[in-house]
Amino acid sequence: MKKGDTVHWKWGAHEAEGKITGEHDKPVEKIIKGAKVKRNASKEEPAYDIKQKDGSKVLKSESELKK
């Protein structure tokens, strides 16, 4: 996966979609919508910043995503 790719992930009973805007290969922590979000990223299991169509931002591990 790389920057610009459209990806999908499970969100409750539904599926969400967004575009990758950044990649992390070290543990990362961000504040998104007032909540602290952490991913234990590595070169083997990177984490991605993703922007949804409505402008919302999320942080997901590669294993949570599908193309």
Protein backbone atom coordinates (compact mmCIF):
# COMPACT_ATOMS: atom_id res chain seq x y z
CA MET A 1 0.00 0.00 0.00
CA LYS A 2 1.17 3.51 -0.70
CA LYS A 3 0.18 7.16 -0.53
CA GLY A 4 -2.80 7.89 -2.81
CA ASP A 5 -4.24 4.35 -2.66
CA THR A 6 -7.94 4.01 -1.87
CA VAL A 7 -8.44 1.55 0.99
CA HIS A 8 -11.37 0.05 2.92
CA TRP A 9 -11.83 -1.17 6.50
CA LYS A 10 -14.60 -2.55 8.68
CA TRP A 11 -16.51 0.06 10.66
CA GLY A 12 -19.15 -1.61 12.83
CA ALA A 13 -21.55 -3.47 10.55
CA HIS A 14 -20.40 -1.37 7.58
CA GLU A 15 -17.27 -0.65 5.60
CA ALA A 16 -15.47 2.69 5.44
CA GLU A 17 -13.29 4.06 2.62
CA GLY A 18 -10.54 6.63 2.35
CA LYS A 19 -7.27 7.56 0.67
CA ILE A 20 -3.85 7.01 2.22
CA THR A 21 -2.17 10.36 2.92
CA GLY A 22 0.85 9.19 4.91
CA GLU A 23 2.77 6.16 6.21
CA HIS A 24 4.48 5.36 9.52
CA ASP A 25 7.02 2.58 10.15
CA LYS A 26 7.60 3.41 13.83
CA PRO A 27 5.09 3.49 16.73
CA VAL A 28 2.82 6.50 16.27
CA GLU A 29 0.32 8.37 18.45
CA LYS A 30 -2.06 11.07 17.22
CA ILE A 31 -5.00 13.05 18.55
CA ILE A 32 -7.93 12.57 16.16
CA LYS A 33 -11.30 14.16 16.98
CA GLY A 34 -10.10 14.68 20.56
CA ALA A 35 -9.20 11.00 21.07
CA LYS A 36 -5.69 9.60 21.43
CA VAL A 37 -5.07 6.98 18.72
CA LYS A 38 -1.98 4.74 18.85
CA ARG A 39 -0.61 2.17 16.43
CA ASN A 40 2.48 0.08 17.09
CA ALA A 41 3.75 0.47 13.53
CA SER A 42 6.89 -1.16 12.14
CA LYS A 43 8.46 -1.79 8.73
CA GLU A 44 6.67 -5.18 8.66
CA GLU A 45 3.31 -3.71 9.82
CA PRO A 46 3.13 -0.02 8.83
CA ALA A 47 0.37 2.34 9.94
CA TYR A 48 -1.34 4.75 7.56
CA ASP A 49 -2.92 8.18 7.83
CA ILE A 50 -6.16 8.05 5.87
CA LYS A 51 -8.51 10.84 4.81
CA GLN A 52 -12.15 10.05 4.13
CA LYS A 53 -14.33 11.87 1.58
CA ASP A 54 -16.01 13.91 4.34
CA GLY A 55 -12.59 15.16 5.48
CA SER A 56 -12.37 12.91 8.56
CA LYS A 57 -8.93 11.52 9.32
CA VAL A 58 -8.13 8.07 10.68
CA LEU A 59 -5.02 6.08 11.59
CA LYS A 60 -5.06 2.39 10.68
CA SER A 61 -2.57 -0.49 10.67
CA GLU A 62 -1.97 -2.30 7.39
CA SER A 63 -3.64 -5.46 8.77
CA GLU A 64 -6.89 -3.50 9.31
CA LEU A 65 -7.05 -2.41 5.66
CA LYS A 66 -7.89 -3.88 2.29
CA LYS A 67 -7.65 -2.34 -1.16
